[in-house]
PDB file of all heavy atoms in Angstrom:
ATOM      1  N   ALA A   1       7.872 -14.116 -42.553  1.00  0.00           N
ATOM      2  CA  ALA A   1       8.651 -13.701 -43.899  1.00  0.00           C
ATOM      3  C   ALA A   1       9.720 -14.608 -44.020  1.00  0.00           C
ATOM      4  O   ALA A   1      10.551 -14.807 -43.160  1.00  0.00           O
ATOM      5  CB  ALA A   1       8.907 -12.243 -43.802  1.00  0.00           C
ATOM      6  N   GLY A   2       9.950 -14.989 -45.333  1.00  0.00           N
ATOM      7  CA  GLY A   2      11.155 -15.751 -45.728  1.00  0.00           C
ATOM      8  C   GLY A   2      11.137 -17.138 -45.168  1.00  0.00           C
ATOM      9  O   GLY A   2      12.102 -17.950 -45.538  1.00  0.00           O
ATOM     10  N   ALA A   3      10.146 -17.700 -44.603  1.00  0.00           N
ATOM     11  CA  ALA A   3      10.033 -19.096 -44.044  1.00  0.00           C
ATOM     12  C   ALA A   3       9.996 -19.983 -45.299  1.00  0.00           C
ATOM     13  O   ALA A   3       9.341 -19.742 -46.278  1.00  0.00           O
ATOM     14  CB  ALA A   3       8.957 -19.311 -43.221  1.00  0.00           C
ATOM     15  N   VAL A   4      10.606 -21.218 -45.010  1.00  0.00           N
ATOM     16  CA  VAL A   4      10.500 -22.385 -45.989  1.00  0.00           C
ATOM     17  C   VAL A   4       9.824 -23.373 -45.225  1.00  0.00           C
ATOM     18  O   VAL A   4      10.371 -24.017 -44.243  1.00  0.00           O
ATOM     19  CB  VAL A   4      11.875 -22.739 -46.461  1.00  0.00           C
ATOM     20  CG1 VAL A   4      11.774 -23.974 -47.448  1.00  0.00           C
ATOM     21  CG2 VAL A   4      12.635 -21.666 -47.145  1.00  0.00           C
ATOM     22  N   VAL A   5       8.473 -23.689 -45.565  1.00  0.00           N
ATOM     23  CA  VAL A   5       7.698 -24.646 -44.911  1.00  0.00           C
ATOM     24  C   VAL A   5       7.803 -26.028 -45.414  1.00  0.00           C
ATOM     25  O   VAL A   5       7.357 -26.253 -46.470  1.00  0.00           O
ATOM     26  CB  VAL A   5       6.327 -24.168 -44.817  1.00  0.00           C
ATOM     27  CG1 VAL A   5       5.409 -25.111 -43.856  1.00  0.00           C
ATOM     28  CG2 VAL A   5       6.215 -22.698 -44.304  1.00  0.00           C
ATOM     29  N   THR A   6       8.457 -26.983 -44.784  1.00  0.00           N
ATOM     30  CA  THR A   6       8.643 -28.261 -45.291  1.00  0.00           C
ATOM     31  C   THR A   6       7.811 -29.391 -44.522  1.00  0.00           C
ATOM     32  O   THR A   6       7.869 -30.596 -44.997  1.00  0.00           O
ATOM     33  CB  THR A   6      10.156 -28.622 -45.177  1.00  0.00           C
ATOM     34  OG1 THR A   6      10.514 -28.749 -43.734  1.00  0.00           O
ATOM     35  CG2 THR A   6      11.070 -27.700 -45.846  1.00  0.00           C
ATOM     36  N   ALA A   7       7.195 -29.081 -43.454  1.00  0.00           N
ATOM     37  CA  ALA A   7       6.417 -29.945 -42.667  1.00  0.00           C
ATOM     38  C   ALA A   7       5.159 -29.306 -42.315  1.00  0.00           C
ATOM     39  O   ALA A   7       5.058 -28.066 -42.377  1.00  0.00           O
ATOM     40  CB  ALA A   7       7.169 -30.400 -41.496  1.00  0.00           C
ATOM     41  N   ASP A   8       4.171 -30.043 -41.853  1.00  0.00           N
ATOM     42  CA  ASP A   8       2.830 -29.657 -41.506  1.00  0.00           C
ATOM     43  C   ASP A   8       2.988 -28.594 -40.356  1.00  0.00           C
ATOM     44  O   ASP A   8       3.809 -28.688 -39.496  1.00  0.00           O
ATOM     45  CB  ASP A   8       1.977 -30.752 -41.039  1.00  0.00           C
ATOM     46  CG  ASP A   8       1.550 -31.738 -42.223  1.00  0.00           C
ATOM     47  OD1 ASP A   8       1.833 -31.316 -43.467  1.00  0.00           O
ATOM     48  OD2 ASP A   8       1.006 -32.768 -41.900  1.00  0.00           O
ATOM     49  N   VAL A   9       2.005 -27.627 -40.404  1.00  0.00           N
ATOM     50  CA  VAL A   9       1.986 -26.578 -39.339  1.00  0.00           C
ATOM     51  C   VAL A   9       0.618 -26.785 -38.580  1.00  0.00           C
ATOM     52  O   VAL A   9      -0.411 -26.823 -39.177  1.00  0.00           O
ATOM     53  CB  VAL A   9       1.992 -25.192 -40.047  1.00  0.00           C
ATOM     54  CG1 VAL A   9       1.826 -24.139 -39.025  1.00  0.00           C
ATOM     55  CG2 VAL A   9       3.352 -25.034 -40.847  1.00  0.00           C
ATOM     56  N   PRO A  10       0.738 -26.951 -37.187  1.00  0.00           N
ATOM     57  CA  PRO A  10      -0.475 -27.016 -36.509  1.00  0.00           C
ATOM     58  C   PRO A  10      -1.339 -25.803 -36.513  1.00  0.00           C
ATOM     59  O   PRO A  10      -0.853 -24.747 -36.760  1.00  0.00           O
ATOM     60  CB  PRO A  10       0.093 -27.212 -35.076  1.00  0.00           C
ATOM     61  CG  PRO A  10       1.589 -27.681 -35.258  1.00  0.00           C
ATOM     62  CD  PRO A  10       1.969 -26.959 -36.476  1.00  0.00           C
ATOM     63  N   PRO A  11      -2.533 -25.943 -36.165  1.00  0.00           N
ATOM     64  CA  PRO A  11      -3.524 -24.861 -36.114  1.00  0.00           C
ATOM     65  C   PRO A  11      -2.966 -23.799 -35.128  1.00  0.00           C
ATOM     66  O   PRO A  11      -2.416 -24.059 -34.006  1.00  0.00           O
ATOM     67  CB  PRO A  11      -4.871 -25.400 -35.659  1.00  0.00           C
ATOM     68  CG  PRO A  11      -4.794 -26.863 -35.997  1.00  0.00           C
ATOM     69  CD  PRO A  11      -3.335 -27.233 -35.916  1.00  0.00           C
ATOM     70  N   TYR A  12      -3.082 -22.499 -35.448  1.00  0.00           N
ATOM     71  CA  TYR A  12      -2.752 -21.281 -34.652  1.00  0.00           C
ATOM     72  C   TYR A  12      -1.311 -21.338 -34.201  1.00  0.00           C
ATOM     73  O   TYR A  12      -1.014 -20.764 -33.244  1.00  0.00           O
ATOM     74  CB  TYR A  12      -3.709 -21.181 -33.383  1.00  0.00           C
ATOM     75  CG  TYR A  12      -5.200 -20.946 -33.871  1.00  0.00           C
ATOM     76  CD1 TYR A  12      -6.074 -21.877 -34.101  1.00  0.00           C
ATOM     77  CD2 TYR A  12      -5.557 -19.629 -34.120  1.00  0.00           C
ATOM     78  CE1 TYR A  12      -7.410 -21.608 -34.584  1.00  0.00           C
ATOM     79  CE2 TYR A  12      -6.770 -19.249 -34.551  1.00  0.00           C
ATOM     80  CZ  TYR A  12      -7.625 -20.276 -34.783  1.00  0.00           C
ATOM     81  OH  TYR A  12      -8.863 -19.940 -35.291  1.00  0.00           O
ATOM     82  N   ALA A  13      -0.437 -21.961 -34.902  1.00  0.00           N
ATOM     83  CA  ALA A  13       0.892 -21.946 -34.658  1.00  0.00           C
ATOM     84  C   ALA A  13       1.612 -20.718 -35.486  1.00  0.00           C
ATOM     85  O   ALA A  13       1.020 -20.317 -36.488  1.00  0.00           O
ATOM     86  CB  ALA A  13       1.686 -23.251 -35.070  1.00  0.00           C
ATOM     87  N   ILE A  14       2.714 -20.211 -34.896  1.00  0.00           N
ATOM     88  CA  ILE A  14       3.463 -19.177 -35.638  1.00  0.00           C
ATOM     89  C   ILE A  14       4.793 -19.862 -35.891  1.00  0.00           C
ATOM     90  O   ILE A  14       5.427 -20.328 -35.033  1.00  0.00           O
ATOM     91  CB  ILE A  14       3.769 -17.986 -34.786  1.00  0.00           C
ATOM     92  CG1 ILE A  14       2.447 -17.273 -34.425  1.00  0.00           C
ATOM     93  CG2 ILE A  14       4.708 -16.969 -35.393  1.00  0.00           C
ATOM     94  CD1 ILE A  14       2.572 -16.121 -33.348  1.00  0.00           C
ATOM     95  N   VAL A  15       5.203 -19.903 -37.231  1.00  0.00           N
ATOM     96  CA  VAL A  15       6.389 -20.620 -37.696  1.00  0.00           C
ATOM     97  C   VAL A  15       7.221 -19.635 -38.424  1.00  0.00           C
ATOM     98  O   VAL A  15       6.737 -18.636 -39.070  1.00  0.00           O
ATOM     99  CB  VAL A  15       6.004 -21.911 -38.523  1.00  0.00           C
ATOM    100  CG1 VAL A  15       5.086 -22.888 -37.777  1.00  0.00           C
ATOM    101  CG2 VAL A  15       5.395 -21.476 -39.938  1.00  0.00           C
ATOM    102  N   GLY A  16       8.452 -19.876 -38.434  1.00  0.00           N
ATOM    103  CA  GLY A  16       9.517 -19.145 -39.239  1.00  0.00           C
ATOM    104  C   GLY A  16      10.751 -19.866 -39.300  1.00  0.00           C
ATOM    105  O   GLY A  16      10.965 -20.880 -38.573  1.00  0.00           O
ATOM    106  N   GLY A  17      11.603 -19.449 -40.232  1.00  0.00           N
ATOM    107  CA  GLY A  17      12.898 -19.999 -40.423  1.00  0.00           C
ATOM    108  C   GLY A  17      12.914 -20.973 -41.592  1.00  0.00           C
ATOM    109  O   GLY A  17      11.975 -21.096 -42.225  1.00  0.00           O
ATOM    110  N   ASN A  18      14.147 -21.429 -41.846  1.00  0.00           N
ATOM    111  CA  ASN A  18      14.513 -22.435 -42.936  1.00  0.00           C
ATOM    112  C   ASN A  18      15.261 -23.566 -42.409  1.00  0.00           C
ATOM    113  O   ASN A  18      16.408 -23.417 -42.074  1.00  0.00           O
ATOM    114  CB  ASN A  18      15.090 -21.672 -44.054  1.00  0.00           C
ATOM    115  CG  ASN A  18      15.487 -22.695 -45.282  1.00  0.00           C
ATOM    116  OD1 ASN A  18      14.917 -23.787 -45.221  1.00  0.00           O
ATOM    117  ND2 ASN A  18      16.293 -22.219 -46.197  1.00  0.00           N
ATOM    118  N   PRO A  19      14.686 -24.745 -42.299  1.00  0.00           N
ATOM    119  CA  PRO A  19      13.207 -25.039 -42.409  1.00  0.00           C
ATOM    120  C   PRO A  19      12.387 -24.471 -41.321  1.00  0.00           C
ATOM    121  O   PRO A  19      12.868 -24.172 -40.184  1.00  0.00           O
ATOM    122  CB  PRO A  19      13.132 -26.636 -42.403  1.00  0.00           C
ATOM    123  CG  PRO A  19      14.304 -26.906 -41.543  1.00  0.00           C
ATOM    124  CD  PRO A  19      15.450 -25.969 -41.742  1.00  0.00           C
ATOM    125  N   ALA A  20      11.107 -24.222 -41.528  1.00  0.00           N
ATOM    126  CA  ALA A  20      10.221 -23.463 -40.537  1.00  0.00           C
ATOM    127  C   ALA A  20      10.088 -24.334 -39.407  1.00  0.00           C
ATOM    128  O   ALA A  20       9.885 -25.577 -39.459  1.00  0.00           O
ATOM    129  CB  ALA A  20       8.847 -23.172 -41.272  1.00  0.00           C
ATOM    130  N   ARG A  21      10.080 -23.641 -38.258  1.00  0.00           N
ATOM    131  CA  ARG A  21       9.856 -24.286 -36.989  1.00  0.00           C
ATOM    132  C   ARG A  21       8.838 -23.515 -36.207  1.00  0.00           C
ATOM    133  O   ARG A  21       8.681 -22.397 -36.365  1.00  0.00           O
ATOM    134  CB  ARG A  21      11.151 -24.304 -36.226  1.00  0.00           C
ATOM    135  CG  ARG A  21      12.265 -25.123 -36.750  1.00  0.00           C
ATOM    136  CD  ARG A  21      12.169 -26.692 -36.515  1.00  0.00           C
ATOM    137  NE  ARG A  21      13.252 -27.444 -36.983  1.00  0.00           N
ATOM    138  CZ  ARG A  21      13.263 -28.072 -38.144  1.00  0.00           C
ATOM    139  NH1 ARG A  21      12.305 -28.047 -38.957  1.00  0.00           N
ATOM    140  NH2 ARG A  21      14.409 -28.864 -38.445  1.00  0.00           N
ATOM    141  N   VAL A  22       8.143 -24.154 -35.287  1.00  0.00           N
ATOM    142  CA  VAL A  22       7.192 -23.527 -34.518  1.00  0.00           C
ATOM    143  C   VAL A  22       7.824 -22.603 -33.457  1.00  0.00           C
ATOM    144  O   VAL A  22       8.639 -23.090 -32.681  1.00  0.00           O
ATOM    145  CB  VAL A  22       6.270 -24.506 -33.726  1.00  0.00           C
ATOM    146  CG1 VAL A  22       5.237 -23.812 -32.788  1.00  0.00           C
ATOM    147  CG2 VAL A  22       5.375 -25.332 -34.724  1.00  0.00           C
ATOM    148  N   ILE A  23       7.589 -21.341 -33.643  1.00  0.00           N
ATOM    149  CA  ILE A  23       8.101 -20.317 -32.620  1.00  0.00           C
ATOM    150  C   ILE A  23       7.268 -20.287 -31.286  1.00  0.00           C
ATOM    151  O   ILE A  23       7.729 -20.336 -30.239  1.00  0.00           O
ATOM    152  CB  ILE A  23       8.224 -18.874 -33.196  1.00  0.00           C
ATOM    153  CG1 ILE A  23       9.007 -18.918 -34.510  1.00  0.00           C
ATOM    154  CG2 ILE A  23       8.588 -17.880 -32.253  1.00  0.00           C
ATOM    155  CD1 ILE A  23       8.927 -17.675 -35.253  1.00  0.00           C
ATOM    156  N   ARG A  24       5.953 -20.340 -31.512  1.00  0.00           N
ATOM    157  CA  ARG A  24       5.053 -20.407 -30.449  1.00  0.00           C
ATOM    158  C   ARG A  24       3.606 -20.652 -31.085  1.00  0.00           C
ATOM    159  O   ARG A  24       3.512 -20.507 -32.247  1.00  0.00           O
ATOM    160  CB  ARG A  24       5.023 -19.150 -29.491  1.00  0.00           C
ATOM    161  CG  ARG A  24       4.604 -17.877 -30.128  1.00  0.00           C
ATOM    162  CD  ARG A  24       4.613 -16.689 -29.186  1.00  0.00           C
ATOM    163  NE  ARG A  24       4.167 -15.391 -29.797  1.00  0.00           N
ATOM    164  CZ  ARG A  24       2.952 -15.092 -29.914  1.00  0.00           C
ATOM    165  NH1 ARG A  24       1.944 -15.745 -29.530  1.00  0.00           N
ATOM    166  NH2 ARG A  24       2.650 -13.837 -30.405  1.00  0.00           N
ATOM    167  N   THR A  25       2.663 -20.874 -30.187  1.00  0.00           N
ATOM    168  CA  THR A  25       1.300 -20.910 -30.596  1.00  0.00           C
ATOM    169  C   THR A  25       0.584 -19.611 -30.156  1.00  0.00           C
ATOM    170  O   THR A  25       0.997 -18.992 -29.174  1.00  0.00           O
ATOM    171  CB  THR A  25       0.539 -22.153 -30.025  1.00  0.00           C
ATOM    172  OG1 THR A  25       0.660 -22.182 -28.716  1.00  0.00           O
ATOM    173  CG2 THR A  25       1.150 -23.403 -30.634  1.00  0.00           C
ATOM    174  N   ARG A  26      -0.446 -19.301 -30.906  1.00  0.00           N
ATOM    175  CA  ARG A  26      -1.107 -18.040 -30.605  1.00  0.00           C
ATOM    176  C   ARG A  26      -1.971 -18.154 -29.384  1.00  0.00           C
ATOM    177  O   ARG A  26      -2.450 -17.122 -28.848  1.00  0.00           O
ATOM    178  CB  ARG A  26      -1.991 -17.638 -31.845  1.00  0.00           C
ATOM    179  CG  ARG A  26      -1.043 -17.286 -33.030  1.00  0.00           C
ATOM    180  CD  ARG A  26      -1.995 -17.026 -34.358  1.00  0.00           C
ATOM    181  NE  ARG A  26      -2.989 -16.039 -33.977  1.00  0.00           N
ATOM    182  CZ  ARG A  26      -4.116 -15.792 -34.700  1.00  0.00           C
ATOM    183  NH1 ARG A  26      -4.393 -16.579 -35.678  1.00  0.00           N
ATOM    184  NH2 ARG A  26      -4.957 -14.729 -34.371  1.00  0.00           N
ATOM    185  N   HIS A  27      -2.466 -19.256 -29.073  1.00  0.00           N
ATOM    186  CA  HIS A  27      -3.373 -19.502 -27.942  1.00  0.00           C
ATOM    187  C   HIS A  27      -3.056 -20.819 -27.214  1.00  0.00           C
ATOM    188  O   HIS A  27      -2.280 -21.708 -27.732  1.00  0.00           O
ATOM    189  CB  HIS A  27      -4.804 -19.571 -28.416  1.00  0.00           C
ATOM    190  CG  HIS A  27      -5.246 -18.400 -29.306  1.00  0.00           C
ATOM    191  ND1 HIS A  27      -5.626 -17.266 -28.643  1.00  0.00           N
ATOM    192  CD2 HIS A  27      -5.349 -18.201 -30.615  1.00  0.00           C
ATOM    193  CE1 HIS A  27      -6.050 -16.382 -29.574  1.00  0.00           C
ATOM    194  NE2 HIS A  27      -5.779 -16.938 -30.722  1.00  0.00           N
ATOM    195  N   ARG A  28      -3.575 -20.942 -25.992  1.00  0.00           N
ATOM    196  CA  ARG A  28      -3.487 -22.290 -25.277  1.00  0.00           C
ATOM    197  C   ARG A  28      -4.212 -23.370 -26.078  1.00  0.00           C
ATOM    198  O   ARG A  28      -5.094 -23.115 -26.820  1.00  0.00           O
ATOM    199  CB  ARG A  28      -3.980 -22.135 -23.824  1.00  0.00           C
ATOM    200  CG  ARG A  28      -3.331 -20.973 -23.029  1.00  0.00           C
ATOM    201  CD  ARG A  28      -3.988 -20.894 -21.749  1.00  0.00           C
ATOM    202  NE  ARG A  28      -5.393 -20.611 -21.775  1.00  0.00           N
ATOM    203  CZ  ARG A  28      -6.297 -20.439 -20.806  1.00  0.00           C
ATOM    204  NH1 ARG A  28      -5.798 -20.675 -19.672  1.00  0.00           N
ATOM    205  NH2 ARG A  28      -7.490 -20.187 -21.135  1.00  0.00           N
ATOM    206  N   ASP A  29      -3.771 -24.591 -25.750  1.00  0.00           N
ATOM    207  CA  ASP A  29      -4.345 -25.728 -26.485  1.00  0.00           C
ATOM    208  C   ASP A  29      -5.808 -25.810 -26.361  1.00  0.00           C
ATOM    209  O   ASP A  29      -6.674 -26.063 -27.189  1.00  0.00           O
ATOM    210  CB  ASP A  29      -3.770 -27.076 -25.931  1.00  0.00           C
ATOM    211  CG  ASP A  29      -2.352 -27.293 -26.404  1.00  0.00           C
ATOM    212  OD1 ASP A  29      -1.892 -26.481 -27.341  1.00  0.00           O
ATOM    213  OD2 ASP A  29      -1.592 -28.239 -25.861  1.00  0.00           O
ATOM    214  N   GLU A  30      -6.395 -25.676 -25.103  1.00  0.00           N
ATOM    215  CA  GLU A  30      -7.783 -25.610 -24.817  1.00  0.00           C
ATOM    216  C   GLU A  30      -8.494 -24.525 -25.588  1.00  0.00           C
ATOM    217  O   GLU A  30      -9.703 -24.659 -26.025  1.00  0.00           O
ATOM    218  CB  GLU A  30      -8.123 -25.604 -23.386  1.00  0.00           C
ATOM    219  CG  GLU A  30      -7.540 -24.351 -22.624  1.00  0.00           C
ATOM    220  CD  GLU A  30      -6.200 -24.609 -22.010  1.00  0.00           C
ATOM    221  OE1 GLU A  30      -5.429 -25.401 -22.554  1.00  0.00           O
ATOM    222  OE2 GLU A  30      -5.968 -24.011 -20.947  1.00  0.00           O
ATOM    223  N   ASP A  31      -7.910 -23.360 -25.764  1.00  0.00           N
ATOM    224  CA  ASP A  31      -8.503 -22.212 -26.561  1.00  0.00           C
ATOM    225  C   ASP A  31      -8.447 -22.626 -28.037  1.00  0.00           C
ATOM    226  O   ASP A  31      -9.410 -22.049 -28.745  1.00  0.00           O
ATOM    227  CB  ASP A  31      -7.858 -20.997 -26.179  1.00  0.00           C
ATOM    228  CG  ASP A  31      -8.125 -20.543 -24.753  1.00  0.00           C
ATOM    229  OD1 ASP A  31      -9.088 -20.926 -24.232  1.00  0.00           O
ATOM    230  OD2 ASP A  31      -7.342 -19.695 -24.151  1.00  0.00           O
ATOM    231  N   ILE A  32      -7.458 -23.109 -28.385  1.00  0.00           N
ATOM    232  CA  ILE A  32      -7.387 -23.659 -29.877  1.00  0.00           C
ATOM    233  C   ILE A  32      -8.521 -24.482 -30.230  1.00  0.00           C
ATOM    234  O   ILE A  32      -9.209 -24.345 -31.184  1.00  0.00           O
ATOM    235  CB  ILE A  32      -6.027 -24.154 -30.164  1.00  0.00           C
ATOM    236  CG1 ILE A  32      -4.948 -23.094 -30.155  1.00  0.00           C
ATOM    237  CG2 ILE A  32      -5.999 -24.875 -31.628  1.00  0.00           C
ATOM    238  CD1 ILE A  32      -3.473 -23.605 -30.406  1.00  0.00           C
ATOM    239  N   ALA A  33      -8.777 -25.311 -29.349  1.00  0.00           N
ATOM    240  CA  ALA A  33      -9.951 -26.400 -29.548  1.00  0.00           C
ATOM    241  C   ALA A  33     -11.292 -25.607 -29.562  1.00  0.00           C
ATOM    242  O   ALA A  33     -12.103 -25.960 -30.492  1.00  0.00           O
ATOM    243  CB  ALA A  33      -9.880 -27.390 -28.386  1.00  0.00           C
ATOM    244  N   ARG A  34     -11.358 -24.609 -28.748  1.00  0.00           N
ATOM    245  CA  ARG A  34     -12.659 -23.731 -28.794  1.00  0.00           C
ATOM    246  C   ARG A  34     -12.712 -22.970 -30.156  1.00  0.00           C
ATOM    247  O   ARG A  34     -13.809 -22.898 -30.627  1.00  0.00           O
ATOM    248  CB  ARG A  34     -12.633 -22.795 -27.617  1.00  0.00           C
ATOM    249  CG  ARG A  34     -12.723 -23.590 -26.310  1.00  0.00           C
ATOM    250  CD  ARG A  34     -12.422 -22.617 -25.072  1.00  0.00           C
ATOM    251  NE  ARG A  34     -13.461 -21.528 -25.046  1.00  0.00           N
ATOM    252  CZ  ARG A  34     -13.320 -20.446 -24.209  1.00  0.00           C
ATOM    253  NH1 ARG A  34     -12.108 -20.351 -23.497  1.00  0.00           N
ATOM    254  NH2 ARG A  34     -14.213 -19.569 -24.136  1.00  0.00           N
ATOM    255  N   LEU A  35     -11.573 -22.485 -30.558  1.00  0.00           N
ATOM    256  CA  LEU A  35     -11.638 -21.733 -31.837  1.00  0.00           C
ATOM    257  C   LEU A  35     -12.007 -22.643 -32.982  1.00  0.00           C
ATOM    258  O   LEU A  35     -12.768 -22.310 -33.895  1.00  0.00           O
ATOM    259  CB  LEU A  35     -10.301 -21.006 -32.106  1.00  0.00           C
ATOM    260  CG  LEU A  35     -10.019 -19.812 -31.239  1.00  0.00           C
ATOM    261  CD1 LEU A  35      -8.493 -19.466 -31.192  1.00  0.00           C
ATOM    262  CD2 LEU A  35     -10.941 -18.717 -31.564  1.00  0.00           C
ATOM    263  N   LEU A  36     -11.415 -23.773 -32.994  1.00  0.00           N
ATOM    264  CA  LEU A  36     -11.641 -24.724 -34.059  1.00  0.00           C
ATOM    265  C   LEU A  36     -13.206 -25.183 -34.069  1.00  0.00           C
ATOM    266  O   LEU A  36     -13.807 -25.402 -35.095  1.00  0.00           O
ATOM    267  CB  LEU A  36     -10.840 -25.986 -34.012  1.00  0.00           C
ATOM    268  CG  LEU A  36      -9.299 -25.687 -34.227  1.00  0.00           C
ATOM    269  CD1 LEU A  36      -8.597 -27.023 -33.976  1.00  0.00           C
ATOM    270  CD2 LEU A  36      -9.022 -25.127 -35.611  1.00  0.00           C
TER     271      LEU A  36
END
């Protein structure tokens, strides 16, 4: 909520803030690849 997204956001990332920054990813890199 309230984020200002000024740059690309990676898959399964959680971003927030102004400008938005990656807070964490929802899954490990290898699991993100499996989901994609």
